Amino acid sequence: MRIDYDALSKTLAALTEGETDPVALMATMACELHHADDRFDWTGFYRHVGDETLKIGPYQGGHGCLTIPFSRGVCGAAARTGETQIVEDVEAFPGHIACSSTTRSEIVLPVHDASGALLGVLDIDSDRPAAFDATDAEGLARLLAQTFAR
């Protein structure tokens, strides 16, 4: 099953109507995303807690890393550069942090609030190589903007 971004947009809008708490929004989005696509092995958020540091937030899947500095890994790169990271082979990514031995590919997007402040990153891992593409990047970016930048 592959995610239908338009349908999920409507579902998320209904589930989060009136909600402003970022953690509640992250928890709801992580759950909905994780169950929307068979490629998604780990789905969650790392929250920006200051000092160029990310801490684990709401997620679905096995255990994640508890703390990630901006200077390391795919999540750190997304937070540091403000750019979506699509990694077809995590073994080929310099400085990749192996939170799970089953992860083969990854997509990470920065998450901003309405003022443009960095809330954290959305991290989705797959046990399949090259699982993510530009369609995923665009669809996920739309969902993040709809949910957090309102």
Foldseek 3Di string as FASTA:
>chain_A
DAADLVVVLVVLCVVCPPPADPLVSQQVVQVSVCVRHPQFQKKGWFFCPDPQKTAGGHIDHDDFDGIDGLVAAQQSVCVVVVDKDWFQAQVPDPRHDPRDPQFGIKIKHFAAAQVRDTGGIIITTGSHGRPDDVVVVVSVVVSRCSRGND
